PDB file of N, CA and C in Angstrom:
ATOM      1  N   ILE A   1     -39.841 -20.879  69.421  1.00  0.00           N
ATOM      2  CA  ILE A   1     -39.173 -19.716  69.701  1.00  0.00           C
ATOM      3  C   ILE A   1     -38.044 -19.716  70.539  1.00  0.00           C
ATOM      4  N   LEU A   2     -38.109 -20.898  71.606  1.00  0.00           N
ATOM      5  CA  LEU A   2     -37.421 -21.684  72.964  1.00  0.00           C
ATOM      6  C   LEU A   2     -36.292 -21.806  72.501  1.00  0.00           C
ATOM      7  N   GLN A   3     -36.604 -22.705  71.019  1.00  0.00           N
ATOM      8  CA  GLN A   3     -34.805 -23.743  70.901  1.00  0.00           C
ATOM      9  C   GLN A   3     -34.446 -22.441  69.832  1.00  0.00           C
ATOM     10  N   GLY A   4     -35.302 -21.555  69.426  1.00  0.00           N
ATOM     11  CA  GLY A   4     -34.049 -20.931  68.397  1.00  0.00           C
ATOM     12  C   GLY A   4     -33.523 -19.616  69.695  1.00  0.00           C
ATOM     13  N   LEU A   5     -33.981 -19.160  70.630  1.00  0.00           N
ATOM     14  CA  LEU A   5     -33.083 -18.601  71.274  1.00  0.00           C
ATOM     15  C   LEU A   5     -31.653 -19.809  71.728  1.00  0.00           C
ATOM     16  N   GLY A   6     -32.040 -21.039  71.850  1.00  0.00           N
ATOM     17  CA  GLY A   6     -31.116 -21.746  72.868  1.00  0.00           C
ATOM     18  C   GLY A   6     -31.321 -22.017  74.106  1.00  0.00           C
ATOM     19  N   ILE A   7     -32.542 -21.390  74.852  1.00  0.00           N
ATOM     20  CA  ILE A   7     -33.135 -21.036  76.025  1.00  0.00           C
ATOM     21  C   ILE A   7     -33.731 -22.693  76.662  1.00  0.00           C
ATOM     22  N   PRO A   8     -32.915 -23.862  77.432  1.00  0.00           N
ATOM     23  CA  PRO A   8     -33.439 -25.083  77.350  1.00  0.00           C
ATOM     24  C   PRO A   8     -34.431 -25.085  77.962  1.00  0.00           C
ATOM     25  N   TYR A   9     -35.609 -25.887  77.622  1.00  0.00           N
ATOM     26  CA  TYR A   9     -36.855 -25.867  77.940  1.00  0.00           C
ATOM     27  C   TYR A   9     -37.126 -27.694  77.501  1.00  0.00           C
ATOM     28  N   ARG A  10     -38.268 -27.403  78.361  1.00  0.00           N
ATOM     29  CA  ARG A  10     -38.902 -28.912  77.993  1.00  0.00           C
ATOM     30  C   ARG A  10     -40.386 -29.028  78.130  1.00  0.00           C
ATOM     31  N   VAL A  11     -41.330 -29.613  77.633  1.00  0.00           N
ATOM     32  CA  VAL A  11     -42.635 -29.706  76.898  1.00  0.00           C
ATOM     33  C   VAL A  11     -43.573 -30.424  78.094  1.00  0.00           C
ATOM     34  N   VAL A  12     -44.903 -30.053  78.262  1.00  0.00           N
ATOM     35  CA  VAL A  12     -45.145 -30.451  79.525  1.00  0.00           C
ATOM     36  C   VAL A  12     -46.663 -30.844  78.546  1.00  0.00           C
ATOM     37  N   ASN A  13     -47.338 -31.854  79.201  1.00  0.00           N
ATOM     38  CA  ASN A  13     -48.777 -32.646  78.572  1.00  0.00           C
ATOM     39  C   ASN A  13     -49.261 -32.261  80.087  1.00  0.00           C
ATOM     40  N   ILE A  14     -50.291 -30.792  79.831  1.00  0.00           N
ATOM     41  CA  ILE A  14     -50.983 -31.115  80.525  1.00  0.00           C
ATOM     42  C   ILE A  14     -51.423 -31.945  81.145  1.00  0.00           C
ATOM     43  N   ALA A  15     -51.987 -32.584  82.993  1.00  0.00           N
ATOM     44  CA  ALA A  15     -53.621 -33.906  82.719  1.00  0.00           C
ATOM     45  C   ALA A  15     -54.743 -33.465  82.471  1.00  0.00           C
ATOM     46  N   ALA A  16     -55.218 -33.883  82.453  1.00  0.00           N
ATOM     47  CA  ALA A  16     -57.125 -33.289  82.059  1.00  0.00           C
ATOM     48  C   ALA A  16     -57.796 -32.803  83.381  1.00  0.00           C
ATOM     49  N   GLY A  17     -57.493 -32.983  83.955  1.00  0.00           N
ATOM     50  CA  GLY A  17     -58.315 -32.441  85.273  1.00  0.00           C
ATOM     51  C   GLY A  17     -57.738 -31.357  85.477  1.00  0.00           C
ATOM     52  N   ASP A  18     -56.504 -31.055  85.651  1.00  0.00           N
ATOM     53  CA  ASP A  18     -55.946 -29.147  85.366  1.00  0.00           C
ATOM     54  C   ASP A  18     -55.911 -28.593  84.173  1.00  0.00           C
ATOM     55  N   LEU A  19     -57.229 -28.626  83.290  1.00  0.00           N
ATOM     56  CA  LEU A  19     -57.672 -27.973  81.872  1.00  0.00           C
ATOM     57  C   LEU A  19     -58.839 -27.306  81.796  1.00  0.00           C
ATOM     58  N   GLY A  20     -58.559 -26.255  81.610  1.00  0.00           N
ATOM     59  CA  GLY A  20     -59.917 -25.732  81.362  1.00  0.00           C
ATOM     60  C   GLY A  20     -60.718 -25.982  80.487  1.00  0.00           C
ATOM     61  N   ALA A  21     -62.547 -25.454  80.814  1.00  0.00           N
ATOM     62  CA  ALA A  21     -63.250 -26.140  79.880  1.00  0.00           C
ATOM     63  C   ALA A  21     -63.090 -25.666  78.989  1.00  0.00           C
ATOM     64  N   PRO A  22     -62.295 -25.125  77.708  1.00  0.00           N
ATOM     65  CA  PRO A  22     -62.195 -24.605  76.389  1.00  0.00           C
ATOM     66  C   PRO A  22     -61.622 -25.974  75.659  1.00  0.00           C
ATOM     67  N   ALA A  23     -60.206 -26.157  76.809  1.00  0.00           N
ATOM     68  CA  ALA A  23     -59.404 -27.571  76.421  1.00  0.00           C
ATOM     69  C   ALA A  23     -60.091 -28.710  76.433  1.00  0.00           C
ATOM     70  N   ALA A  24     -59.517 -29.739  75.187  1.00  0.00           N
ATOM     71  CA  ALA A  24     -59.314 -30.869  75.382  1.00  0.00           C
ATOM     72  C   ALA A  24     -57.810 -31.511  75.797  1.00  0.00           C
ATOM     73  N   GLN A  25     -57.340 -31.041  74.904  1.00  0.00           N
ATOM     74  CA  GLN A  25     -55.266 -30.612  75.660  1.00  0.00           C
ATOM     75  C   GLN A  25     -54.636 -29.701  75.593  1.00  0.00           C
ATOM     76  N   LYS A  26     -53.437 -29.435  76.019  1.00  0.00           N
ATOM     77  CA  LYS A  26     -52.935 -28.072  76.743  1.00  0.00           C
ATOM     78  C   LYS A  26     -51.559 -28.671  76.189  1.00  0.00           C
ATOM     79  N   PHE A  27     -50.399 -28.199  76.293  1.00  0.00           N
ATOM     80  CA  PHE A  27     -49.024 -28.147  75.917  1.00  0.00           C
ATOM     81  C   PHE A  27     -48.616 -27.099  76.862  1.00  0.00           C
ATOM     82  N   ASP A  28     -47.745 -26.491  77.686  1.00  0.00           N
ATOM     83  CA  ASP A  28     -47.160 -26.251  78.076  1.00  0.00           C
ATOM     84  C   ASP A  28     -45.577 -26.518  77.842  1.00  0.00           C
ATOM     85  N   CYS A  29     -44.563 -25.176  77.085  1.00  0.00           N
ATOM     86  CA  CYS A  29     -43.394 -24.986  77.073  1.00  0.00           C
ATOM     87  C   CYS A  29     -43.023 -24.284  78.198  1.00  0.00           C
ATOM     88  N   GLU A  30     -41.737 -24.820  79.369  1.00  0.00           N
ATOM     89  CA  GLU A  30     -41.744 -24.119  80.304  1.00  0.00           C
ATOM     90  C   GLU A  30     -40.165 -23.899  79.894  1.00  0.00           C
ATOM     91  N   ALA A  31     -39.181 -23.074  80.577  1.00  0.00           N
ATOM     92  CA  ALA A  31     -38.082 -22.271  79.951  1.00  0.00           C
ATOM     93  C   ALA A  31     -37.432 -22.874  81.709  1.00  0.00           C
ATOM     94  N   TRP A  32     -35.701 -23.651  81.694  1.00  0.00           N
ATOM     95  CA  TRP A  32     -35.269 -23.669  83.259  1.00  0.00           C
ATOM     96  C   TRP A  32     -34.671 -22.472  83.378  1.00  0.00           C
ATOM     97  N   LEU A  33     -35.025 -22.423  84.306  1.00  0.00           N
ATOM     98  CA  LEU A  33     -34.007 -20.418  84.889  1.00  0.00           C
ATOM     99  C   LEU A  33     -33.456 -20.677  86.061  1.00  0.00           C
ATOM    100  N   PRO A  34     -31.777 -21.070  85.680  1.00  0.00           N
ATOM    101  CA  PRO A  34     -31.287 -21.148  87.440  1.00  0.00           C
ATOM    102  C   PRO A  34     -31.137 -20.916  88.491  1.00  0.00           C
ATOM    103  N   GLY A  35     -31.693 -19.142  88.412  1.00  0.00           N
ATOM    104  CA  GLY A  35     -31.923 -18.622  89.411  1.00  0.00           C
ATOM    105  C   GLY A  35     -32.659 -18.526  90.349  1.00  0.00           C
ATOM    106  N   GLN A  36     -34.015 -20.050  89.542  1.00  0.00           N
ATOM    107  CA  GLN A  36     -34.368 -20.501  90.864  1.00  0.00           C
ATOM    108  C   GLN A  36     -34.847 -21.946  90.662  1.00  0.00           C
ATOM    109  N   GLN A  37     -34.307 -22.477  89.815  1.00  0.00           N
ATOM    110  CA  GLN A  37     -33.632 -23.859  90.082  1.00  0.00           C
ATOM    111  C   GLN A  37     -34.670 -24.397  89.736  1.00  0.00           C
ATOM    112  N   ARG A  38     -35.736 -24.189  88.739  1.00  0.00           N
ATOM    113  CA  ARG A  38     -37.115 -24.569  88.350  1.00  0.00           C
ATOM    114  C   ARG A  38     -37.136 -24.477  86.860  1.00  0.00           C
ATOM    115  N   TYR A  39     -38.256 -24.739  86.103  1.00  0.00           N
ATOM    116  CA  TYR A  39     -38.768 -24.594  85.215  1.00  0.00           C
ATOM    117  C   TYR A  39     -39.798 -23.906  85.288  1.00  0.00           C
ATOM    118  N   ARG A  40     -40.050 -22.955  84.824  1.00  0.00           N
ATOM    119  CA  ARG A  40     -41.380 -22.312  84.529  1.00  0.00           C
ATOM    120  C   ARG A  40     -42.125 -21.979  83.218  1.00  0.00           C
ATOM    121  N   GLU A  41     -43.317 -22.228  82.949  1.00  0.00           N
ATOM    122  CA  GLU A  41     -44.333 -22.039  81.942  1.00  0.00           C
ATOM    123  C   GLU A  41     -43.709 -20.160  80.970  1.00  0.00           C
ATOM    124  N   LEU A  42     -43.304 -20.835  79.828  1.00  0.00           N
ATOM    125  CA  LEU A  42     -43.126 -18.955  79.261  1.00  0.00           C
ATOM    126  C   LEU A  42     -43.914 -19.408  78.027  1.00  0.00           C
ATOM    127  N   THR A  43     -44.852 -20.151  77.445  1.00  0.00           N
ATOM    128  CA  THR A  43     -46.048 -20.911  76.581  1.00  0.00           C
ATOM    129  C   THR A  43     -46.147 -22.153  76.446  1.00  0.00           C
ATOM    130  N   SER A  44     -47.884 -21.578  76.220  1.00  0.00           N
ATOM    131  CA  SER A  44     -49.377 -22.977  76.149  1.00  0.00           C
ATOM    132  C   SER A  44     -49.373 -22.969  74.692  1.00  0.00           C
ATOM    133  N   CYS A  45     -49.932 -24.003  74.529  1.00  0.00           N
ATOM    134  CA  CYS A  45     -51.275 -24.544  73.009  1.00  0.00           C
ATOM    135  C   CYS A  45     -51.961 -25.793  73.711  1.00  0.00           C
ATOM    136  N   SER A  46     -53.107 -24.961  73.840  1.00  0.00           N
ATOM    137  CA  SER A  46     -54.795 -26.117  73.437  1.00  0.00           C
ATOM    138  C   SER A  46     -55.414 -26.086  72.356  1.00  0.00           C
ATOM    139  N   ASN A  47     -55.050 -27.150  72.381  1.00  0.00           N
ATOM    140  CA  ASN A  47     -56.536 -27.386  71.743  1.00  0.00           C
ATOM    141  C   ASN A  47     -58.179 -27.535  71.707  1.00  0.00           C
ATOM    142  N   CYS A  48     -59.125 -26.838  71.711  1.00  0.00           N
ATOM    143  CA  CYS A  48     -60.122 -26.900  71.345  1.00  0.00           C
ATOM    144  C   CYS A  48     -60.819 -27.677  71.238  1.00  0.00           C
ATOM    145  N   THR A  49     -60.411 -28.571  70.692  1.00  0.00           N
ATOM    146  CA  THR A  49     -62.134 -28.936  69.899  1.00  0.00           C
ATOM    147  C   THR A  49     -62.361 -28.178  68.756  1.00  0.00           C
ATOM    148  N   ASP A  50     -63.947 -28.457  69.095  1.00  0.00           N
ATOM    149  CA  ASP A  50     -65.277 -27.631  68.671  1.00  0.00           C
ATOM    150  C   ASP A  50     -65.597 -27.106  69.620  1.00  0.00           C
ATOM    151  N   TYR A  51     -65.161 -26.966  70.719  1.00  0.00           N
ATOM    152  CA  TYR A  51     -65.933 -25.822  71.861  1.00  0.00           C
ATOM    153  C   TYR A  51     -66.077 -24.370  71.801  1.00  0.00           C
ATOM    154  N   GLN A  52     -64.470 -23.741  70.768  1.00  0.00           N
ATOM    155  CA  GLN A  52     -65.531 -22.298  70.836  1.00  0.00           C
ATOM    156  C   GLN A  52     -66.013 -22.066  69.251  1.00  0.00           C
ATOM    157  N   ALA A  53     -65.791 -23.127  68.553  1.00  0.00           N
ATOM    158  CA  ALA A  53     -66.477 -22.878  66.885  1.00  0.00           C
ATOM    159  C   ALA A  53     -68.311 -23.059  67.508  1.00  0.00           C
ATOM    160  N   ARG A  54     -68.277 -23.610  68.644  1.00  0.00           N
ATOM    161  CA  ARG A  54     -69.692 -24.034  69.186  1.00  0.00           C
ATOM    162  C   ARG A  54     -70.610 -23.165  68.574  1.00  0.00           C
ATOM    163  N   ARG A  55     -69.458 -22.151  70.285  1.00  0.00           N
ATOM    164  CA  ARG A  55     -69.975 -20.949  70.359  1.00  0.00           C
ATOM    165  C   ARG A  55     -70.134 -19.665  69.486  1.00  0.00           C
ATOM    166  N   LEU A  56     -69.099 -19.816  68.358  1.00  0.00           N
ATOM    167  CA  LEU A  56     -68.720 -18.688  67.938  1.00  0.00           C
ATOM    168  C   LEU A  56     -69.859 -19.186  66.343  1.00  0.00           C
ATOM    169  N   ASN A  57     -70.461 -20.219  66.056  1.00  0.00           N
ATOM    170  CA  ASN A  57     -70.927 -20.621  64.617  1.00  0.00           C
ATOM    171  C   ASN A  57     -69.876 -20.486  63.373  1.00  0.00           C
ATOM    172  N   THR A  58     -69.081 -21.900  64.062  1.00  0.00           N
ATOM    173  CA  THR A  58     -67.747 -21.141  62.846  1.00  0.00           C
ATOM    174  C   THR A  58     -68.072 -22.743  62.120  1.00  0.00           C
ATOM    175  N   ARG A  59     -68.300 -22.887  61.163  1.00  0.00           N
ATOM    176  CA  ARG A  59     -68.468 -23.982  60.122  1.00  0.00           C
ATOM    177  C   ARG A  59     -67.426 -24.003  58.206  1.00  0.00           C
ATOM    178  N   PHE A  60     -67.828 -25.563  58.392  1.00  0.00           N
ATOM    179  CA  PHE A  60     -66.938 -25.532  57.349  1.00  0.00           C
ATOM    180  C   PHE A  60     -67.866 -26.717  56.813  1.00  0.00           C
ATOM    181  N   ARG A  61     -67.795 -26.895  55.160  1.00  0.00           N
ATOM    182  CA  ARG A  61     -68.443 -27.352  54.539  1.00  0.00           C
ATOM    183  C   ARG A  61     -67.768 -29.014  53.936  1.00  0.00           C
ATOM    184  N   THR A  62     -68.684 -30.348  54.274  1.00  0.00           N
ATOM    185  CA  THR A  62     -68.205 -31.541  54.096  1.00  0.00           C
ATOM    186  C   THR A  62     -68.505 -31.852  52.766  1.00  0.00           C
ATOM    187  N   GLU A  63     -69.081 -33.522  52.288  1.00  0.00           N
ATOM    188  CA  GLU A  63     -69.762 -33.983  51.084  1.00  0.00           C
ATOM    189  C   GLU A  63     -70.728 -34.064  52.502  1.00  0.00           C
ATOM    190  N   LYS A  64     -70.987 -34.531  54.032  1.00  0.00           N
ATOM    191  CA  LYS A  64     -71.818 -35.052  54.475  1.00  0.00           C
ATOM    192  C   LYS A  64     -72.838 -33.848  54.897  1.00  0.00           C
ATOM    193  N   GLY A  65     -72.284 -32.450  54.411  1.00  0.00           N
ATOM    194  CA  GLY A  65     -73.205 -31.948  55.443  1.00  0.00           C
ATOM    195  C   GLY A  65     -71.973 -30.786  56.094  1.00  0.00           C
ATOM    196  N   PRO A  66     -72.172 -28.838  57.085  1.00  0.00           N
ATOM    197  CA  PRO A  66     -71.637 -28.976  57.397  1.00  0.00           C
ATOM    198  C   PRO A  66     -71.392 -29.331  59.123  1.00  0.00           C
ATOM    199  N   ARG A  67     -69.828 -28.913  59.413  1.00  0.00           N
ATOM    200  CA  ARG A  67     -69.740 -29.416  60.628  1.00  0.00           C
ATOM    201  C   ARG A  67     -68.511 -27.691  61.585  1.00  0.00           C
ATOM    202  N   PHE A  68     -68.149 -27.860  61.797  1.00  0.00           N
ATOM    203  CA  PHE A  68     -67.810 -27.491  63.228  1.00  0.00           C
ATOM    204  C   PHE A  68     -66.274 -27.463  63.142  1.00  0.00           C
ATOM    205  N   VAL A  69     -65.256 -26.403  62.951  1.00  0.00           N
ATOM    206  CA  VAL A  69     -63.923 -26.218  62.992  1.00  0.00           C
ATOM    207  C   VAL A  69     -64.007 -26.420  64.317  1.00  0.00           C
ATOM    208  N   HIS A  70     -62.482 -26.834  64.534  1.00  0.00           N
ATOM    209  CA  HIS A  70     -61.708 -27.046  65.708  1.00  0.00           C
ATOM    210  C   HIS A  70     -60.500 -26.248  66.038  1.00  0.00           C
ATOM    211  N   THR A  71     -60.819 -26.294  66.904  1.00  0.00           N
ATOM    212  CA  THR A  71     -59.408 -24.581  67.206  1.00  0.00           C
ATOM    213  C   THR A  71     -58.938 -24.797  67.830  1.00  0.00           C
ATOM    214  N   LEU A  72     -57.212 -24.341  68.045  1.00  0.00           N
ATOM    215  CA  LEU A  72     -56.131 -24.345  68.550  1.00  0.00           C
ATOM    216  C   LEU A  72     -56.593 -22.424  69.482  1.00  0.00           C
ATOM    217  N   ASN A  73     -55.425 -22.560  70.369  1.00  0.00           N
ATOM    218  CA  ASN A  73     -55.449 -21.128  71.043  1.00  0.00           C
ATOM    219  C   ASN A  73     -54.171 -21.415  71.707  1.00  0.00           C
ATOM    220  N   GLY A  74     -53.394 -20.227  71.480  1.00  0.00           N
ATOM    221  CA  GLY A  74     -51.476 -20.486  71.783  1.00  0.00           C
ATOM    222  C   GLY A  74     -51.420 -19.677  71.898  1.00  0.00           C
ATOM    223  N   THR A  75     -50.042 -19.137  72.681  1.00  0.00           N
ATOM    224  CA  THR A  75     -49.007 -17.630  72.901  1.00  0.00           C
ATOM    225  C   THR A  75     -47.976 -18.165  72.629  1.00  0.00           C
ATOM    226  N   GLY A  76     -47.203 -17.158  71.836  1.00  0.00           N
ATOM    227  CA  GLY A  76     -45.718 -16.514  71.593  1.00  0.00           C
ATOM    228  C   GLY A  76     -44.741 -17.251  72.604  1.00  0.00           C
ATOM    229  N   VAL A  77     -44.919 -16.277  73.378  1.00  0.00           N
ATOM    230  CA  VAL A  77     -44.046 -16.085  74.381  1.00  0.00           C
ATOM    231  C   VAL A  77     -44.970 -14.847  75.693  1.00  0.00           C
ATOM    232  N   ALA A  78     -44.340 -15.310  77.103  1.00  0.00           N
ATOM    233  CA  ALA A  78     -45.494 -14.192  77.821  1.00  0.00           C
ATOM    234  C   ALA A  78     -43.581 -13.994  78.145  1.00  0.00           C
ATOM    235  N   VAL A  79     -43.658 -12.504  77.690  1.00  0.00           N
ATOM    236  CA  VAL A  79     -42.221 -11.317  77.384  1.00  0.00           C
ATOM    237  C   VAL A  79     -41.373 -11.390  78.572  1.00  0.00           C
ATOM    238  N   GLY A  80     -42.321 -11.161  79.880  1.00  0.00           N
ATOM    239  CA  GLY A  80     -41.168 -10.910  80.975  1.00  0.00           C
ATOM    240  C   GLY A  80     -40.064 -12.341  81.289  1.00  0.00           C
ATOM    241  N   ARG A  81     -41.291 -13.404  81.081  1.00  0.00           N
ATOM    242  CA  ARG A  81     -40.788 -14.449  81.515  1.00  0.00           C
ATOM    243  C   ARG A  81     -39.279 -15.074  80.456  1.00  0.00           C
ATOM    244  N   THR A  82     -39.564 -13.992  79.647  1.00  0.00           N
ATOM    245  CA  THR A  82     -38.982 -15.189  78.073  1.00  0.00           C
ATOM    246  C   THR A  82     -37.146 -13.582  78.612  1.00  0.00           C
ATOM    247  N   LEU A  83     -37.526 -12.850  78.841  1.00  0.00           N
ATOM    248  CA  LEU A  83     -36.225 -12.253  79.023  1.00  0.00           C
ATOM    249  C   LEU A  83     -35.419 -12.226  80.108  1.00  0.00           C
ATOM    250  N   ILE A  84     -35.807 -13.198  81.470  1.00  0.00           N
ATOM    251  CA  ILE A  84     -35.848 -13.049  82.273  1.00  0.00           C
ATOM    252  C   ILE A  84     -34.780 -14.668  82.185  1.00  0.00           C
ATOM    253  N   ALA A  85     -35.510 -15.751  81.223  1.00  0.00           N
ATOM    254  CA  ALA A  85     -34.671 -16.805  81.327  1.00  0.00           C
ATOM    255  C   ALA A  85     -33.525 -16.469  80.464  1.00  0.00           C
ATOM    256  N   ILE A  86     -33.474 -15.228  79.325  1.00  0.00           N
ATOM    257  CA  ILE A  86     -32.482 -14.550  78.378  1.00  0.00           C
ATOM    258  C   ILE A  86     -31.479 -14.412  79.400  1.00  0.00           C
ATOM    259  N   MET A  87     -32.267 -13.774  79.975  1.00  0.00           N
ATOM    260  CA  MET A  87     -30.663 -13.142  80.925  1.00  0.00           C
ATOM    261  C   MET A  87     -29.864 -14.088  82.003  1.00  0.00           C
ATOM    262  N   GLU A  88     -31.263 -14.853  82.931  1.00  0.00           N
ATOM    263  CA  GLU A  88     -30.484 -15.827  83.390  1.00  0.00           C
ATOM    264  C   GLU A  88     -29.667 -17.216  82.839  1.00  0.00           C
ATOM    265  N   ASN A  89     -29.935 -17.346  81.460  1.00  0.00           N
ATOM    266  CA  ASN A  89     -29.601 -18.792  80.617  1.00  0.00           C
ATOM    267  C   ASN A  89     -28.087 -18.370  80.088  1.00  0.00           C
ATOM    268  N   TYR A  90     -27.631 -16.701  80.208  1.00  0.00           N
ATOM    269  CA  TYR A  90     -26.788 -16.469  79.603  1.00  0.00           C
ATOM    270  C   TYR A  90     -25.825 -15.645  80.165  1.00  0.00           C
ATOM    271  N   GLN A  91     -26.351 -14.869  81.638  1.00  0.00           N
ATOM    272  CA  GLN A  91     -25.424 -14.312  82.292  1.00  0.00           C
ATOM    273  C   GLN A  91     -23.690 -14.727  81.806  1.00  0.00           C
ATOM    274  N   GLN A  92     -22.516 -13.962  82.316  1.00  0.00           N
ATOM    275  CA  GLN A  92     -21.411 -14.854  82.132  1.00  0.00           C
ATOM    276  C   GLN A  92     -21.440 -14.179  83.972  1.00  0.00           C
ATOM    277  N   ALA A  93     -20.058 -14.722  83.978  1.00  0.00           N
ATOM    278  CA  ALA A  93     -19.202 -14.368  85.243  1.00  0.00           C
ATOM    279  C   ALA A  93     -18.723 -13.183  85.287  1.00  0.00           C
ATOM    280  N   ASP A  94     -19.254 -12.506  84.590  1.00  0.00           N
ATOM    281  CA  ASP A  94     -18.475 -10.818  85.528  1.00  0.00           C
ATOM    282  C   ASP A  94     -19.391  -9.703  85.239  1.00  0.00           C
ATOM    283  N   GLY A  95     -21.444 -10.813  84.697  1.00  0.00           N
ATOM    284  CA  GLY A  95     -22.186 -10.012  84.874  1.00  0.00           C
ATOM    285  C   GLY A  95     -23.458  -9.459  83.753  1.00  0.00           C
ATOM    286  N   SER A  96     -22.200 -10.144  82.471  1.00  0.00           N
ATOM    287  CA  SER A  96     -22.894  -9.098  81.582  1.00  0.00           C
ATOM    288  C   SER A  96     -23.577 -10.056  81.200  1.00  0.00           C
ATOM    289  N   ILE A  97     -24.418  -9.355  79.528  1.00  0.00           N
ATOM    290  CA  ILE A  97     -25.349 -10.976  79.168  1.00  0.00           C
ATOM    291  C   ILE A  97     -25.218 -11.359  77.969  1.00  0.00           C
ATOM    292  N   GLU A  98     -24.416 -12.477  77.030  1.00  0.00           N
ATOM    293  CA  GLU A  98     -24.622 -12.854  75.824  1.00  0.00           C
ATOM    294  C   GLU A  98     -25.626 -13.020  75.427  1.00  0.00           C
ATOM    295  N   VAL A  99     -25.502 -12.049  74.082  1.00  0.00           N
ATOM    296  CA  VAL A  99     -27.076 -12.018  72.874  1.00  0.00           C
ATOM    297  C   VAL A  99     -27.253 -13.474  72.398  1.00  0.00           C
ATOM    298  N   PRO A 100     -28.583 -13.844  72.583  1.00  0.00           N
ATOM    299  CA  PRO A 100     -28.343 -15.421  71.509  1.00  0.00           C
ATOM    300  C   PRO A 100     -28.435 -15.080  70.456  1.00  0.00           C
ATOM    301  N   ALA A 101     -27.955 -15.881  69.165  1.00  0.00           N
ATOM    302  CA  ALA A 101     -27.324 -15.075  67.977  1.00  0.00           C
ATOM    303  C   ALA A 101     -28.443 -15.094  67.493  1.00  0.00           C
ATOM    304  N   VAL A 102     -29.525 -15.469  67.379  1.00  0.00           N
ATOM    305  CA  VAL A 102     -31.450 -15.090  66.652  1.00  0.00           C
ATOM    306  C   VAL A 102     -31.049 -13.916  67.231  1.00  0.00           C
ATOM    307  N   LEU A 103     -30.935 -12.724  67.870  1.00  0.00           N
ATOM    308  CA  LEU A 103     -31.271 -11.836  67.989  1.00  0.00           C
ATOM    309  C   LEU A 103     -29.848 -11.042  68.183  1.00  0.00           C
ATOM    310  N   ARG A 104     -28.963 -11.130  67.865  1.00  0.00           N
ATOM    311  CA  ARG A 104     -27.297 -10.473  67.428  1.00  0.00           C
ATOM    312  C   ARG A 104     -27.803  -9.707  66.034  1.00  0.00           C
ATOM    313  N   PRO A 105     -28.432 -10.230  64.817  1.00  0.00           N
ATOM    314  CA  PRO A 105     -29.412  -9.119  63.903  1.00  0.00           C
ATOM    315  C   PRO A 105     -29.315  -7.618  64.256  1.00  0.00           C
ATOM    316  N   LEU A 106     -30.870  -7.801  65.265  1.00  0.00           N
ATOM    317  CA  LEU A 106     -31.527  -6.958  65.580  1.00  0.00           C
ATOM    318  C   LEU A 106     -31.200  -6.063  66.621  1.00  0.00           C
ATOM    319  N   LEU A 107     -30.560  -6.290  67.881  1.00  0.00           N
ATOM    320  CA  LEU A 107     -29.619  -5.863  68.676  1.00  0.00           C
ATOM    321  C   LEU A 107     -29.020  -4.771  68.195  1.00  0.00           C
ATOM    322  N   GLY A 108     -28.182  -5.893  67.438  1.00  0.00           N
ATOM    323  CA  GLY A 108     -26.613  -4.863  66.890  1.00  0.00           C
ATOM    324  C   GLY A 108     -25.239  -5.389  67.706  1.00  0.00           C
ATOM    325  N   LYS A 109     -25.852  -6.230  68.599  1.00  0.00           N
ATOM    326  CA  LYS A 109     -24.464  -6.666  70.325  1.00  0.00           C
ATOM    327  C   LYS A 109     -24.350  -7.707  70.508  1.00  0.00           C
ATOM    328  N   ASP A 110     -22.554  -8.379  70.548  1.00  0.00           N
ATOM    329  CA  ASP A 110     -23.129  -9.785  70.872  1.00  0.00           C
ATOM    330  C   ASP A 110     -23.132  -9.935  72.726  1.00  0.00           C
ATOM    331  N   VAL A 111     -22.742  -8.869  73.127  1.00  0.00           N
ATOM    332  CA  VAL A 111     -22.707  -8.550  74.717  1.00  0.00           C
ATOM    333  C   VAL A 111     -23.558  -7.685  75.160  1.00  0.00           C
ATOM    334  N   ILE A 112     -24.365  -7.377  76.521  1.00  0.00           N
ATOM    335  CA  ILE A 112     -24.790  -6.389  77.257  1.00  0.00           C
ATOM    336  C   ILE A 112     -24.518  -6.483  78.784  1.00  0.00           C
ATOM    337  N   GLY A 113     -23.789  -5.020  78.669  1.00  0.00           N
ATOM    338  CA  GLY A 113     -22.793  -4.425  80.388  1.00  0.00           C
ATOM    339  C   GLY A 113     -21.820  -5.283  79.650  1.00  0.00           C
ATOM    340  N   ALA A 114     -21.087  -4.862  81.528  1.00  0.00           N
ATOM    341  CA  ALA A 114     -20.415  -5.117  81.283  1.00  0.00           C
ATOM    342  C   ALA A 114     -19.524  -4.742  80.571  1.00  0.00           C
TER     343      ALA A 114
END
């Protein structure tokens, strides 16, 4: 999504000590916000292995018998922060905002404002 929007971003592998109980591994996608001169999290995806499946008793069958499925938790994007990232990264000198190419057919405009 961030790549399609043309927003500068990075993927961060979150340290094990910063993970919540269900997550075995987590990646955050952080977008560059020029106004803050920093990256901010817009989306994340966690590999919860079989933690949630055990609580839900969700299994699949194998030749060796039933096993718990592994689950992923992920968010599309934090809408508010994504809108901020678009506005900050696409703002023009006159204050207008260039609409990312992928959104132009949906919005029907190339530029907002000014």
